[in-house]
Protein backbone atom coordinates (compact mmCIF):
# COMPACT_ATOMS: atom_id res chain seq x y z
CA MET A 1 -27.32 -18.52 -71.08
CA PRO A 2 -25.14 -18.57 -68.02
CA PRO A 3 -22.55 -15.80 -67.87
CA ALA A 4 -19.21 -16.60 -69.39
CA VAL A 5 -16.54 -17.49 -66.88
CA ARG A 6 -12.97 -16.52 -67.61
CA LEU A 7 -10.47 -19.05 -66.39
CA LEU A 8 -7.12 -17.72 -65.29
CA ARG A 9 -4.29 -20.04 -66.08
CA GLN A 10 -1.73 -20.21 -63.33
CA SER A 11 1.76 -20.03 -64.65
CA PRO A 12 4.28 -22.44 -63.15
CA GLU A 13 6.65 -21.05 -60.57
CA LYS A 14 9.98 -19.96 -61.91
CA ASN A 15 13.07 -21.45 -60.40
CA GLN A 16 14.97 -18.22 -59.85
CA ALA A 17 18.65 -18.33 -58.95
CA ALA A 18 18.79 -22.10 -58.46
CA TRP A 19 22.58 -21.93 -58.72
CA ASP A 20 24.82 -21.12 -55.78
CA GLU A 21 27.85 -18.87 -55.47
CA THR A 22 30.25 -21.83 -55.45
CA SER A 23 29.01 -22.95 -58.87
CA MET A 24 29.25 -19.40 -60.17
CA LYS A 25 32.87 -19.09 -58.99
CA LYS A 26 33.80 -22.33 -60.77
CA ALA A 27 32.04 -21.22 -63.93
CA LEU A 28 33.78 -17.84 -63.91
CA LYS A 29 37.12 -19.53 -63.40
CA GLU A 30 36.60 -21.93 -66.32
CA VAL A 31 35.60 -19.13 -68.68
CA ASN A 32 38.29 -16.65 -67.60
CA GLU A 33 41.24 -18.97 -67.02
CA MET A 34 40.49 -22.08 -69.08
CA HIS A 35 38.83 -20.10 -71.90
CA ASN A 36 35.83 -22.42 -72.12
CA SER A 37 32.77 -21.16 -73.97
CA VAL A 38 30.05 -19.36 -72.02
CA LYS A 39 27.32 -21.59 -73.48
CA SER A 40 28.93 -24.93 -72.53
CA THR A 41 30.00 -23.68 -69.08
CA ALA A 42 26.55 -22.33 -68.31
CA LYS A 43 24.98 -25.67 -69.32
CA LYS A 44 27.52 -27.61 -67.25
CA TYR A 45 26.74 -25.77 -64.02
CA GLY A 46 23.04 -25.18 -64.65
CA ILE A 47 23.38 -21.40 -64.85
CA PRO A 48 21.42 -19.36 -67.42
CA ARG A 49 23.76 -18.06 -70.08
CA SER A 50 22.58 -14.44 -69.69
CA ILE A 51 23.21 -14.62 -65.94
CA LEU A 52 26.70 -15.99 -66.46
CA GLN A 53 27.48 -13.26 -68.99
CA ARG A 54 26.33 -10.59 -66.56
CA HIS A 55 28.54 -11.95 -63.80
CA LEU A 56 31.47 -12.11 -66.22
CA GLN A 57 31.01 -8.40 -66.88
CA SER A 58 30.67 -7.49 -63.20
CA GLY A 59 33.47 -9.84 -62.11
CA THR A 60 31.62 -11.07 -59.03
CA ALA A 61 29.98 -14.37 -58.13
CA LYS A 62 27.68 -12.90 -55.49
CA LYS A 63 24.03 -13.85 -55.91
CA LYS A 64 21.58 -11.01 -56.23
CA LEU A 65 17.83 -11.25 -56.80
CA GLY A 66 16.00 -8.26 -58.24
CA ARG A 67 17.35 -4.92 -59.33
CA HIS A 68 17.27 -3.21 -55.93
CA THR A 69 20.25 -3.18 -53.58
CA THR A 70 20.80 -1.79 -50.11
CA VAL A 71 22.74 1.45 -49.73
CA PHE A 72 24.80 0.23 -46.76
CA THR A 73 26.46 -3.05 -45.97
CA PRO A 74 25.10 -5.14 -43.05
CA GLU A 75 28.07 -4.02 -40.96
CA GLN A 76 27.35 -0.34 -41.65
CA GLU A 77 23.66 -0.74 -40.84
CA MET A 78 24.58 -2.49 -37.60
CA GLU A 79 26.82 0.45 -36.73
CA LEU A 80 23.88 2.80 -37.23
CA ILE A 81 21.63 0.58 -35.11
CA GLU A 82 24.13 0.37 -32.26
CA TYR A 83 24.55 4.14 -32.27
CA VAL A 84 20.79 4.72 -32.18
CA PHE A 85 20.44 2.39 -29.18
CA HIS A 86 23.39 4.01 -27.43
CA MET A 87 21.93 7.51 -27.81
CA ASP A 88 18.57 6.22 -26.58
CA ALA A 89 20.27 4.78 -23.47
CA LEU A 90 21.71 8.26 -22.80
CA PHE A 91 18.20 9.79 -23.02
CA TYR A 92 19.16 11.63 -26.21
CA GLY A 93 17.18 9.43 -28.59
CA LEU A 94 16.88 10.35 -32.24
CA SER A 95 13.58 11.21 -33.85
CA ARG A 96 12.75 9.78 -37.24
CA THR A 97 13.72 13.02 -38.99
CA GLU A 98 17.01 13.31 -37.10
CA PHE A 99 17.89 9.71 -37.89
CA LEU A 100 17.26 10.15 -41.61
CA GLU A 101 19.43 13.28 -41.65
CA LEU A 102 22.15 11.34 -39.83
CA VAL A 103 21.96 8.54 -42.40
CA TYR A 104 22.42 11.03 -45.25
CA GLN A 105 25.46 12.60 -43.58
CA TYR A 106 26.90 9.16 -42.81
CA ALA A 107 26.67 8.19 -46.49
CA GLU A 108 28.15 11.50 -47.63
CA MET A 109 31.12 11.52 -45.25
CA ASN A 110 31.99 7.89 -46.02
CA GLY A 111 31.71 8.31 -49.78
CA ILE A 112 28.86 5.81 -50.15
CA LEU A 113 26.74 6.01 -53.30
CA HIS A 114 23.11 6.71 -52.41
CA PRO A 115 19.84 7.92 -53.95
CA PHE A 116 19.04 10.34 -51.10
CA LYS A 117 17.86 13.87 -51.85
CA ASN A 118 17.33 17.11 -49.92
CA ASP A 119 20.01 16.23 -47.35
CA THR A 120 18.03 13.35 -45.88
CA ALA A 121 17.31 9.68 -46.46
CA GLY A 122 13.90 8.86 -47.92
CA SER A 123 10.80 7.20 -46.55
CA ASP A 124 11.23 4.12 -48.76
CA TRP A 125 14.74 3.54 -47.42
CA TYR A 126 13.47 3.96 -43.86
CA LYS A 127 10.68 1.41 -44.37
CA GLY A 128 13.16 -1.12 -45.73
CA PHE A 129 15.59 -0.41 -42.90
CA VAL A 130 12.90 -1.06 -40.26
CA LEU A 131 11.92 -4.31 -41.97
CA ARG A 132 15.55 -5.47 -41.89
CA HIS A 133 15.82 -4.52 -38.19
CA PRO A 134 12.55 -5.49 -36.46
CA ASP A 135 13.96 -4.64 -33.02
CA LEU A 136 13.83 -0.93 -33.94
CA THR A 137 10.66 1.01 -33.19
CA LEU A 138 9.36 4.52 -32.50
CA ARG A 139 8.33 5.33 -28.94
CA LYS A 140 7.29 8.55 -27.23
CA PRO A 141 9.85 9.23 -24.44
CA GLU A 142 9.11 10.58 -20.99
CA PRO A 143 10.61 14.06 -20.34
CA THR A 144 13.43 13.62 -17.82
CA SER A 145 15.19 16.60 -16.25
CA ILE A 146 18.97 16.75 -16.10
CA ALA A 147 18.81 16.85 -12.28
CA ARG A 148 16.93 13.56 -12.16
CA ALA A 149 19.18 11.88 -14.69
CA ARG A 150 22.27 13.04 -12.80
CA GLY A 151 20.89 11.84 -9.48
CA PHE A 152 20.63 8.22 -10.60
CA ASN A 153 24.30 7.27 -10.46
CA ARG A 154 25.97 4.19 -9.03
CA PRO A 155 27.42 5.74 -5.82
CA GLN A 156 24.07 7.25 -4.84
CA VAL A 157 22.18 4.04 -5.60
CA TYR A 158 24.63 2.01 -3.51
CA ARG A 159 24.36 4.56 -0.70
CA PHE A 160 20.58 4.09 -0.74
CA PHE A 161 20.90 0.32 -0.45
CA ASP A 162 23.40 0.72 2.40
CA LEU A 163 20.81 2.72 4.35
CA LEU A 164 17.97 0.36 3.41
CA GLU A 165 19.81 -2.79 4.45
CA ALA A 166 20.92 -1.19 7.71
CA GLU A 167 17.35 -0.17 8.63
CA ILE A 168 15.91 -3.58 7.71
CA GLU A 169 18.45 -5.32 9.92
CA LYS A 170 18.13 -2.82 12.77
CA HIS A 171 14.33 -2.93 13.03
CA ASP A 172 13.81 -6.49 11.76
CA ILE A 173 11.52 -5.31 8.96
CA ASP A 174 9.70 -8.03 7.05
CA ALA A 175 7.73 -7.89 3.79
CA THR A 176 4.49 -6.80 5.49
CA ARG A 177 6.14 -3.66 6.94
CA LEU A 178 7.97 -2.45 3.86
CA TYR A 179 5.69 -0.21 1.82
CA ASN A 180 6.16 1.56 -1.48
CA MET A 181 4.00 4.45 -2.63
CA ASP A 182 4.00 5.76 -6.17
CA GLU A 183 1.86 8.08 -8.20
CA THR A 184 0.81 8.41 -11.79
CA GLY A 185 -1.41 10.80 -13.65
CA ILE A 186 -2.12 12.99 -16.65
CA GLN A 187 0.31 15.86 -17.05
CA THR A 188 -0.72 18.97 -18.98
CA SER A 189 2.76 20.03 -20.00
CA SER A 190 3.66 21.80 -23.23
CA ASN A 191 6.95 19.92 -23.33
CA LYS A 192 5.91 17.00 -25.54
CA PRO A 193 8.96 15.36 -27.11
CA PRO A 194 8.71 13.60 -30.47
CA ARG A 195 8.87 9.85 -30.70
CA VAL A 196 12.43 8.53 -30.81
CA LEU A 197 13.97 5.34 -32.12
CA THR A 198 14.55 2.68 -29.48
CA LYS A 199 14.62 -1.08 -29.04
CA VAL A 200 11.46 -3.16 -29.22
CA GLY A 201 10.30 -4.33 -25.78
CA LYS A 202 12.07 -1.65 -23.76
CA ARG A 203 9.96 -0.84 -20.70
CA GLN A 204 10.74 2.87 -20.34
CA VAL A 205 12.06 5.44 -22.79
CA GLY A 206 13.42 8.76 -21.47
CA SER A 207 14.43 12.05 -23.04
CA ILE A 208 16.35 14.92 -21.42
CA ALA A 209 14.14 18.01 -21.05
CA SER A 210 14.59 21.46 -19.54
CA THR A 211 11.58 21.03 -17.27
CA GLU A 212 9.17 18.38 -16.02
CA ARG A 213 6.58 20.79 -14.64
CA GLY A 214 2.98 20.76 -15.65
CA ARG A 215 -0.51 20.62 -14.21
CA THR A 216 -1.05 17.04 -13.14
CA THR A 217 -3.99 15.00 -11.93
CA THR A 218 -2.36 12.45 -9.65
CA VAL A 219 -3.40 8.91 -8.71
CA VAL A 220 -1.54 7.42 -5.73
CA CYS A 221 -0.90 3.71 -5.22
CA CYS A 222 0.51 2.14 -2.04
CA CYS A 223 1.36 -1.50 -1.33
CA ASN A 224 3.80 -3.54 0.72
CA ALA A 225 6.32 -6.17 -0.32
CA ALA A 226 3.95 -8.97 0.70
CA GLY A 227 1.39 -7.84 -1.90
CA SER A 228 -1.18 -6.07 0.28
CA PHE A 229 -2.74 -2.95 -1.27
CA LEU A 230 -4.50 -0.06 0.43
CA PHE A 231 -7.19 0.00 -2.23
CA GLY A 232 -9.99 -2.37 -3.14
CA GLY A 233 -12.70 -2.91 -5.71
CA ALA A 234 -11.86 -2.67 -9.39
CA TYR A 235 -8.29 -1.59 -8.65
CA MET A 236 -7.52 -4.97 -7.12
CA LYS A 237 -8.31 -6.74 -10.40
CA ALA A 238 -5.15 -5.24 -11.91
CA ALA A 239 -3.03 -4.80 -8.79
CA THR A 240 -2.48 -8.44 -7.85
CA THR A 241 -0.34 -9.73 -5.01
CA GLN A 242 2.11 -11.36 -7.38
CA ASN A 243 2.55 -8.11 -9.34
CA ALA A 244 3.36 -6.26 -6.12
CA VAL A 245 5.88 -8.88 -4.98
CA ASN A 246 7.52 -8.90 -8.40
CA GLY A 247 7.68 -5.10 -8.34
CA PHE A 248 9.67 -5.05 -5.11
CA LYS A 249 11.91 -7.85 -6.37
CA SER A 250 12.61 -6.30 -9.80
CA SER A 251 13.62 -2.98 -8.18
CA GLY A 252 15.90 -4.67 -5.66
CA LEU A 253 13.97 -3.38 -2.63
CA LEU A 254 13.11 -6.78 -1.12
CA PRO A 255 15.04 -8.95 -1.14
CA THR A 256 17.60 -6.17 -1.33
CA ASN A 257 19.79 -6.34 -4.42
CA ARG A 258 21.94 -3.35 -5.29
CA TYR A 259 23.23 -5.09 -8.41
CA ILE A 260 19.80 -5.13 -10.07
CA PHE A 261 20.90 -2.20 -12.27
CA ASP A 262 23.44 -2.61 -15.07
CA GLU A 263 25.73 -0.15 -16.83
CA ALA A 264 23.00 0.94 -19.25
CA ASP A 265 20.85 2.20 -16.34
CA PHE A 266 23.63 4.56 -15.21
CA LEU A 267 24.55 5.86 -18.68
CA PRO A 268 22.44 9.08 -18.52
CA ALA A 269 24.31 10.11 -15.35
CA THR A 270 27.68 9.81 -17.09
CA PHE A 271 26.63 12.45 -19.59
CA THR A 272 25.32 14.89 -16.96
CA GLU A 273 28.00 15.21 -14.29
CA ASN A 274 28.57 18.98 -14.59
CA PRO A 275 27.51 21.21 -11.64
CA ILE A 276 23.83 22.11 -11.50
CA THR A 277 23.11 25.70 -12.48
CA ALA A 278 20.75 28.08 -10.67
CA ALA A 279 18.15 27.57 -13.39
CA GLU A 280 18.26 23.80 -12.92
CA SER A 281 18.04 24.17 -9.14
CA SER A 282 14.75 26.04 -9.51
CA ASP A 283 13.49 23.05 -11.51
CA HIS A 284 14.51 20.58 -8.79
CA GLN A 285 11.98 17.83 -8.17
CA PRO A 286 11.39 16.39 -4.70
CA GLY A 287 13.30 13.17 -4.26
CA SER A 288 16.01 13.87 -6.85
CA PRO A 289 19.35 14.92 -5.33
CA LEU A 290 20.97 18.29 -5.93
CA GLN A 291 24.74 18.60 -6.39
CA SER A 292 25.07 19.27 -2.66
CA ASP A 293 23.46 15.90 -1.96
CA VAL A 294 25.92 13.99 -4.13
CA ASP A 295 29.19 12.64 -2.77
CA VAL A 296 31.77 14.95 -4.33
CA GLU A 297 34.57 12.46 -3.64
CA ARG A 298 32.97 9.67 -5.62
CA THR A 299 34.73 8.22 -8.64
CA THR A 300 33.27 9.62 -11.81
CA SER A 301 31.72 7.01 -14.06
CA PRO A 302 33.53 6.45 -17.38
CA SER A 303 31.98 8.92 -19.78
CA PHE A 304 31.34 8.46 -23.46
CA LEU A 305 32.59 12.04 -23.84
CA SER A 306 36.06 10.98 -22.72
CA GLU A 307 36.25 8.61 -25.67
CA THR A 308 34.99 10.95 -28.36
CA THR A 309 35.33 14.69 -28.83
CA ASN A 310 31.87 15.12 -30.32
CA CYS A 311 28.50 13.74 -29.35
CA MET A 312 25.36 13.24 -31.37
CA ALA A 313 23.58 16.58 -31.11
CA PRO A 314 22.24 19.19 -33.53
CA CYS A 315 24.68 22.02 -34.19
CA PRO A 316 23.19 25.40 -33.12
CA ASN A 317 24.29 27.19 -36.28
CA LYS A 318 24.07 24.44 -38.89
CA ASN A 319 21.56 21.78 -39.68
CA GLN A 320 24.17 19.10 -39.17
CA PHE A 321 24.84 16.35 -36.66
CA TYR A 322 28.16 15.49 -35.08
CA SER A 323 28.75 11.89 -34.21
CA PRO A 324 31.66 9.50 -33.77
CA ILE A 325 30.20 7.35 -36.56
CA LEU A 326 30.23 10.31 -38.99
CA LYS A 327 33.79 9.71 -40.08
CA LYS A 328 35.45 8.28 -43.10
CA ALA A 329 36.16 4.58 -42.85
């Protein structure tokens, strides 16, 4: 005999929450104000009687599927997202652990009911939060010294373009005579920052570090603005002419464009405009300006510190974060 085959009967799909909030509001009004019966009102508007009774008890017409609700409102979650992106732009991005601790403190200080334990939000909440905000991701930042972050400010960038444009005009330099050399490599440094929350698609993620030193194996690349490279063979399969031309254009080198950078690119410098200490001077990297190289008469960029008295940073003595969003609404 052939083996018995068990047929699984597919149940029809349930039409969950076919009613809308407008119908629910009308039904609630008829029951509460006109004193109509729950049964007849529910039948009139096509709402299950048990659902209508539950909304009568809660006093709200808002539709809700399932028994799970979010801890924060969409506006509160957007405030958290904006703060995470702002701290990332300042090169002080939050790690996953720091963000979950911040979320717990945010809920506590604003009196929001939550299921969090052990002074931190849970992994399940974090997974749901990431699903609701797909532009949030974890990236490993590049260690960036304070001296380098401070050196990239608007006055110094504009001063560079002043010199570049003057030399191009003076010597009639075209694309074949303007070269750019850069290096990359593997750095054996013990300063490995954790991954921080940032925006999906961001090209480079930085993090302020006390040092950038390390033993490095360096690979040097050199090309001109016309797309000619000094290397051949397999390297040329990746380093195309169009990539080289686009690289000069996107950095504003040729054609020169000093306005290629926006306010977000200069944000790290606004947080690091204090004088460089002797310890930082010993960590100075070639090509990044010291305080003596910076125009002391330049107008200081508007700083986020001037708007808030506290910034997002771990307290040395307490496992607590201070942030302008950690305040009662």
